Amino acid sequence: MLERGLVQIYTGDGKGKTTAAFGLALRAAGQGNKVLIYQFLKPDSLDSGERFALQISGIKIRVEALNIQWDMAKSPNDPKAVATAKLAIHGALERLAETAARRFYDVLILDEIVYCLSKGLAKLEDIKKLIDGRDSLVEIVLTGRGATQELLALADLVTEMKNIKHPFDKGIPARRGIEF
């Protein structure tokens, strides 16, 4: 459906990267594009308002998740969890590269892959291989904190979500339907 596929990155320390990607997915699906959202470090068991909304709406957007155990506070310091994540992420990126090369989907969203790269869980070479080997009509969207200059150089569009003020700063916890 797309005349040309570009690479987009949504990064920064502010809220809204995943939500923006889901919004783009809705727009793309509404125009007849086939969309896959692949969520890294957000297993199927995660309570996600975006996923639930898609399920009950019947909108044809496929959502898949890397189903590994990952605790954002503890796992980065656990060598076994890190090794498991690296292996699983590498395998997922290889499968997604094939998906992009064969154009099974018009839009491919890799949610939190930027964070994975920034923490050393993903390799830039794997992401670059996916981008470079994709069908020219496949749009790629990468989300997550900590985009490196090398990754930014691969993008056609970069949006930075900047945290200016957040309820967490006042001790207000994440709220169902707003933050998740």
C-alpha atoms as a PDB file:
ATOM      1  CA  MET A   1       0.000   0.000   0.000  1.00  0.00           C
ATOM      2  CA  LEU A   2       2.874   2.405   0.734  1.00  0.00           C
ATOM      3  CA  GLU A   3       4.691   4.054  -2.156  1.00  0.00           C
ATOM      4  CA  ARG A   4       7.947   4.020  -0.188  1.00  0.00           C
ATOM      5  CA  GLY A   5       8.950   2.649   3.199  1.00  0.00           C
ATOM      6  CA  LEU A   6      10.900   4.859   5.576  1.00  0.00           C
ATOM      7  CA  VAL A   7      12.519   4.358   8.974  1.00  0.00           C
ATOM      8  CA  GLN A   8      11.116   6.197  11.984  1.00  0.00           C
ATOM      9  CA  ILE A   9      12.468   6.382  15.534  1.00  0.00           C
ATOM     10  CA  TYR A  10      10.515   7.497  18.602  1.00  0.00           C
ATOM     11  CA  THR A  11      12.967   8.001  21.460  1.00  0.00           C
ATOM     12  CA  GLY A  12      13.627  10.159  24.507  1.00  0.00           C
ATOM     13  CA  ASP A  13      12.960  10.088  28.226  1.00  0.00           C
ATOM     14  CA  GLY A  14       9.370  11.333  27.924  1.00  0.00           C
ATOM     15  CA  LYS A  15       6.109   9.429  27.937  1.00  0.00           C
ATOM     16  CA  GLY A  16       4.333   8.404  24.746  1.00  0.00           C
ATOM     17  CA  LYS A  17       6.713   6.510  22.464  1.00  0.00           C
ATOM     18  CA  THR A  18       4.730   3.275  22.398  1.00  0.00           C
ATOM     19  CA  THR A  19       1.430   5.136  22.327  1.00  0.00           C
ATOM     20  CA  ALA A  20       2.593   7.160  19.318  1.00  0.00           C
ATOM     21  CA  ALA A  21       3.613   3.940  17.544  1.00  0.00           C
ATOM     22  CA  PHE A  22       0.203   2.372  18.244  1.00  0.00           C
ATOM     23  CA  GLY A  23      -1.415   5.541  16.878  1.00  0.00           C
ATOM     24  CA  LEU A  24       0.609   5.240  13.682  1.00  0.00           C
ATOM     25  CA  ALA A  25      -0.404   1.568  13.496  1.00  0.00           C
ATOM     26  CA  LEU A  26      -4.079   2.568  13.683  1.00  0.00           C
ATOM     27  CA  ARG A  27      -3.615   5.162  10.959  1.00  0.00           C
ATOM     28  CA  ALA A  28      -1.776   2.686   8.718  1.00  0.00           C
ATOM     29  CA  ALA A  29      -4.362  -0.054   9.241  1.00  0.00           C
ATOM     30  CA  GLY A  30      -7.130   2.440   8.569  1.00  0.00           C
ATOM     31  CA  GLN A  31      -5.592   3.071   5.158  1.00  0.00           C
ATOM     32  CA  GLY A  32      -5.451  -0.642   4.349  1.00  0.00           C
ATOM     33  CA  ASN A  33      -1.863  -1.417   5.359  1.00  0.00           C
ATOM     34  CA  LYS A  34      -0.929  -4.674   7.073  1.00  0.00           C
ATOM     35  CA  VAL A  35       0.728  -3.881  10.418  1.00  0.00           C
ATOM     36  CA  LEU A  36       2.828  -5.909  12.860  1.00  0.00           C
ATOM     37  CA  ILE A  37       3.766  -4.524  16.259  1.00  0.00           C
ATOM     38  CA  TYR A  38       6.522  -6.563  17.901  1.00  0.00           C
ATOM     39  CA  GLN A  39       7.063  -5.734  21.564  1.00  0.00           C
ATOM     40  CA  PHE A  40      10.446  -6.426  23.133  1.00  0.00           C
ATOM     41  CA  LEU A  41      10.594  -6.809  26.949  1.00  0.00           C
ATOM     42  CA  LYS A  42       6.790  -6.517  27.166  1.00  0.00           C
ATOM     43  CA  PRO A  43       5.539 -10.113  27.397  1.00  0.00           C
ATOM     44  CA  ASP A  44       1.981 -11.179  26.560  1.00  0.00           C
ATOM     45  CA  SER A  45       1.234 -11.295  30.289  1.00  0.00           C
ATOM     46  CA  LEU A  46       1.809  -7.533  30.614  1.00  0.00           C
ATOM     47  CA  ASP A  47      -1.395  -5.583  31.288  1.00  0.00           C
ATOM     48  CA  SER A  48      -1.480  -3.264  28.263  1.00  0.00           C
ATOM     49  CA  GLY A  49      -4.377  -0.974  27.438  1.00  0.00           C
ATOM     50  CA  GLU A  50      -3.216  -0.633  23.839  1.00  0.00           C
ATOM     51  CA  ARG A  51      -3.254  -4.398  23.264  1.00  0.00           C
ATOM     52  CA  PHE A  52      -6.621  -4.794  24.966  1.00  0.00           C
ATOM     53  CA  ALA A  53      -8.121  -1.993  22.861  1.00  0.00           C
ATOM     54  CA  LEU A  54      -6.983  -3.712  19.659  1.00  0.00           C
ATOM     55  CA  GLN A  55      -8.427  -7.041  20.827  1.00  0.00           C
ATOM     56  CA  ILE A  56     -11.859  -5.652  21.572  1.00  0.00           C
ATOM     57  CA  SER A  57     -11.956  -3.371  18.518  1.00  0.00           C
ATOM     58  CA  GLY A  58     -11.380  -6.048  15.919  1.00  0.00           C
ATOM     59  CA  ILE A  59      -8.918  -3.808  14.054  1.00  0.00           C
ATOM     60  CA  LYS A  60      -6.538  -6.005  12.099  1.00  0.00           C
ATOM     61  CA  ILE A  61      -3.185  -5.151  13.641  1.00  0.00           C
ATOM     62  CA  ARG A  62      -1.025  -8.086  14.687  1.00  0.00           C
ATOM     63  CA  VAL A  63       0.756  -7.725  18.025  1.00  0.00           C
ATOM     64  CA  GLU A  64       3.472 -10.160  19.042  1.00  0.00           C
ATOM     65  CA  ALA A  65       5.730 -10.117  22.077  1.00  0.00           C
ATOM     66  CA  LEU A  66       9.115 -11.471  23.056  1.00  0.00           C
ATOM     67  CA  ASN A  67       7.982 -13.725  25.873  1.00  0.00           C
ATOM     68  CA  ILE A  68      10.911 -13.751  28.244  1.00  0.00           C
ATOM     69  CA  GLN A  69      10.971 -12.858  31.914  1.00  0.00           C
ATOM     70  CA  TRP A  70      12.387  -9.351  32.274  1.00  0.00           C
ATOM     71  CA  ASP A  71      12.208  -7.104  35.314  1.00  0.00           C
ATOM     72  CA  MET A  72      13.276  -3.559  34.377  1.00  0.00           C
ATOM     73  CA  ALA A  73      14.833  -3.023  37.826  1.00  0.00           C
ATOM     74  CA  LYS A  74      16.484  -6.397  38.492  1.00  0.00           C
ATOM     75  CA  SER A  75      17.175  -8.137  35.176  1.00  0.00           C
ATOM     76  CA  PRO A  76      19.854  -5.730  33.851  1.00  0.00           C
ATOM     77  CA  ASN A  77      22.062  -6.834  36.781  1.00  0.00           C
ATOM     78  CA  ASP A  78      21.351 -10.548  36.352  1.00  0.00           C
ATOM     79  CA  PRO A  79      23.884 -12.138  33.950  1.00  0.00           C
ATOM     80  CA  LYS A  80      21.572 -15.102  33.233  1.00  0.00           C
ATOM     81  CA  ALA A  81      18.609 -12.821  32.401  1.00  0.00           C
ATOM     82  CA  VAL A  82      20.824 -10.655  30.190  1.00  0.00           C
ATOM     83  CA  ALA A  83      22.209 -13.664  28.311  1.00  0.00           C
ATOM     84  CA  THR A  84      18.703 -15.077  27.797  1.00  0.00           C
ATOM     85  CA  ALA A  85      17.425 -11.709  26.566  1.00  0.00           C
ATOM     86  CA  LYS A  86      20.329 -11.229  24.141  1.00  0.00           C
ATOM     87  CA  LEU A  87      19.778 -14.638  22.577  1.00  0.00           C
ATOM     88  CA  ALA A  88      16.008 -14.197  22.303  1.00  0.00           C
ATOM     89  CA  ILE A  89      16.298 -10.675  20.878  1.00  0.00           C
ATOM     90  CA  HIS A  90      18.852 -11.786  18.277  1.00  0.00           C
ATOM     91  CA  GLY A  91      16.542 -14.610  17.183  1.00  0.00           C
ATOM     92  CA  ALA A  92      13.532 -12.307  17.045  1.00  0.00           C
ATOM     93  CA  LEU A  93      15.417  -9.764  14.930  1.00  0.00           C
ATOM     94  CA  GLU A  94      16.473 -12.494  12.502  1.00  0.00           C
ATOM     95  CA  ARG A  95      12.823 -13.601  12.091  1.00  0.00           C
ATOM     96  CA  LEU A  96      11.650 -10.003  11.764  1.00  0.00           C
ATOM     97  CA  ALA A  97      14.308  -9.308   9.132  1.00  0.00           C
ATOM     98  CA  GLU A  98      12.874 -12.152   7.052  1.00  0.00           C
ATOM     99  CA  THR A  99       9.365 -10.777   7.611  1.00  0.00           C
ATOM    100  CA  ALA A 100      10.482  -7.333   6.403  1.00  0.00           C
ATOM    101  CA  ALA A 101      12.399  -8.729   3.411  1.00  0.00           C
ATOM    102  CA  ARG A 102       9.375 -10.711   2.228  1.00  0.00           C
ATOM    103  CA  ARG A 103       6.978  -7.845   2.973  1.00  0.00           C
ATOM    104  CA  PHE A 104       4.552  -9.883   5.007  1.00  0.00           C
ATOM    105  CA  TYR A 105       3.556  -6.525   6.542  1.00  0.00           C
ATOM    106  CA  ASP A 106       3.598  -2.976   5.202  1.00  0.00           C
ATOM    107  CA  VAL A 107       4.422  -1.462   8.605  1.00  0.00           C
ATOM    108  CA  LEU A 108       6.691  -3.128  11.137  1.00  0.00           C
ATOM    109  CA  ILE A 109       6.888  -1.561  14.602  1.00  0.00           C
ATOM    110  CA  LEU A 110       9.692  -2.734  16.897  1.00  0.00           C
ATOM    111  CA  ASP A 111       8.571  -1.479  20.289  1.00  0.00           C
ATOM    112  CA  GLU A 112      11.402  -0.985  22.839  1.00  0.00           C
ATOM    113  CA  ILE A 113      14.135  -2.179  20.469  1.00  0.00           C
ATOM    114  CA  VAL A 114      15.911   1.174  20.920  1.00  0.00           C
ATOM    115  CA  TYR A 115      16.053   0.565  24.677  1.00  0.00           C
ATOM    116  CA  CYS A 116      17.331  -2.978  24.028  1.00  0.00           C
ATOM    117  CA  LEU A 117      20.110  -1.573  21.860  1.00  0.00           C
ATOM    118  CA  SER A 118      21.020   1.100  24.423  1.00  0.00           C
ATOM    119  CA  LYS A 119      21.369  -1.571  27.136  1.00  0.00           C
ATOM    120  CA  GLY A 120      23.443  -3.930  24.990  1.00  0.00           C
ATOM    121  CA  LEU A 121      20.667  -6.513  24.650  1.00  0.00           C
ATOM    122  CA  ALA A 122      20.396  -5.999  20.886  1.00  0.00           C
ATOM    123  CA  LYS A 123      23.128  -5.506  18.311  1.00  0.00           C
ATOM    124  CA  LEU A 124      23.180  -2.581  15.904  1.00  0.00           C
ATOM    125  CA  GLU A 125      24.271  -4.991  13.159  1.00  0.00           C
ATOM    126  CA  ASP A 126      21.039  -6.988  13.572  1.00  0.00           C
ATOM    127  CA  ILE A 127      18.884  -3.856  13.380  1.00  0.00           C
ATOM    128  CA  LYS A 128      20.858  -2.525  10.410  1.00  0.00           C
ATOM    129  CA  LYS A 129      20.480  -5.887   8.632  1.00  0.00           C
ATOM    130  CA  LEU A 130      16.703  -5.709   9.116  1.00  0.00           C
ATOM    131  CA  ILE A 131      16.531  -2.120   7.828  1.00  0.00           C
ATOM    132  CA  ASP A 132      18.855  -2.641   4.878  1.00  0.00           C
ATOM    133  CA  GLY A 133      17.328  -5.967   3.842  1.00  0.00           C
ATOM    134  CA  ARG A 134      13.683  -4.955   4.036  1.00  0.00           C
ATOM    135  CA  ASP A 135      11.482  -4.621   0.996  1.00  0.00           C
ATOM    136  CA  SER A 136      11.593  -0.995  -0.141  1.00  0.00           C
ATOM    137  CA  LEU A 137       7.878  -0.567   0.589  1.00  0.00           C
ATOM    138  CA  VAL A 138       8.093  -1.611   4.266  1.00  0.00           C
ATOM    139  CA  GLU A 139       7.896   1.149   6.868  1.00  0.00           C
ATOM    140  CA  ILE A 140       9.948   0.483  10.012  1.00  0.00           C
ATOM    141  CA  VAL A 141       9.220   2.176  13.357  1.00  0.00           C
ATOM    142  CA  LEU A 142      11.653   1.757  16.260  1.00  0.00           C
ATOM    143  CA  THR A 143      10.750   2.900  19.777  1.00  0.00           C
ATOM    144  CA  GLY A 144      12.529   3.222  23.100  1.00  0.00           C
ATOM    145  CA  ARG A 145      14.815   5.354  25.201  1.00  0.00           C
ATOM    146  CA  GLY A 146      18.481   5.905  24.500  1.00  0.00           C
ATOM    147  CA  ALA A 147      18.851   6.062  20.722  1.00  0.00           C
ATOM    148  CA  THR A 148      22.518   6.164  19.734  1.00  0.00           C
ATOM    149  CA  GLN A 149      23.898   8.451  17.051  1.00  0.00           C
ATOM    150  CA  GLU A 150      24.629   5.375  14.901  1.00  0.00           C
ATOM    151  CA  LEU A 151      20.996   4.312  15.110  1.00  0.00           C
ATOM    152  CA  LEU A 152      19.698   7.827  14.479  1.00  0.00           C
ATOM    153  CA  ALA A 153      21.791   7.962  11.295  1.00  0.00           C
ATOM    154  CA  LEU A 154      19.744   5.039   9.895  1.00  0.00           C
ATOM    155  CA  ALA A 155      16.435   6.892  10.294  1.00  0.00           C
ATOM    156  CA  ASP A 156      14.449   9.123   7.968  1.00  0.00           C
ATOM    157  CA  LEU A 157      12.368  10.554  10.821  1.00  0.00           C
ATOM    158  CA  VAL A 158      13.291  10.930  14.492  1.00  0.00           C
ATOM    159  CA  THR A 159      10.935  12.168  17.190  1.00  0.00           C
ATOM    160  CA  GLU A 160      12.218  12.775  20.695  1.00  0.00           C
ATOM    161  CA  MET A 161       9.743  12.616  23.552  1.00  0.00           C
ATOM    162  CA  LYS A 162      11.108  14.963  26.204  1.00  0.00           C
ATOM    163  CA  ASN A 163      10.124  14.701  29.862  1.00  0.00           C
ATOM    164  CA  ILE A 164       9.434  18.178  31.192  1.00  0.00           C
ATOM    165  CA  LYS A 165       7.122  17.261  34.057  1.00  0.00           C
ATOM    166  CA  HIS A 166       5.667  13.903  35.111  1.00  0.00           C
ATOM    167  CA  PRO A 167       3.325  12.731  37.899  1.00  0.00           C
ATOM    168  CA  PHE A 168       5.927  10.112  38.903  1.00  0.00           C
ATOM    169  CA  ASP A 169       8.029  13.037  40.179  1.00  0.00           C
ATOM    170  CA  LYS A 170       5.296  13.655  42.776  1.00  0.00           C
ATOM    171  CA  GLY A 171       5.051   9.991  43.709  1.00  0.00           C
ATOM    172  CA  ILE A 172       1.895   9.368  41.669  1.00  0.00           C
ATOM    173  CA  PRO A 173       2.053   5.764  40.402  1.00  0.00           C
ATOM    174  CA  ALA A 174       1.222   4.614  36.879  1.00  0.00           C
ATOM    175  CA  ARG A 175      -2.513   4.696  36.223  1.00  0.00           C
ATOM    176  CA  ARG A 176      -4.501   2.054  34.375  1.00  0.00           C
ATOM    177  CA  GLY A 177      -5.764   3.473  31.086  1.00  0.00           C
ATOM    178  CA  ILE A 178      -3.314   6.382  31.081  1.00  0.00           C
ATOM    179  CA  GLU A 179       0.210   4.977  31.544  1.00  0.00           C
ATOM    180  CA  PHE A 180      -0.640   1.366  30.707  1.00  0.00           C
END
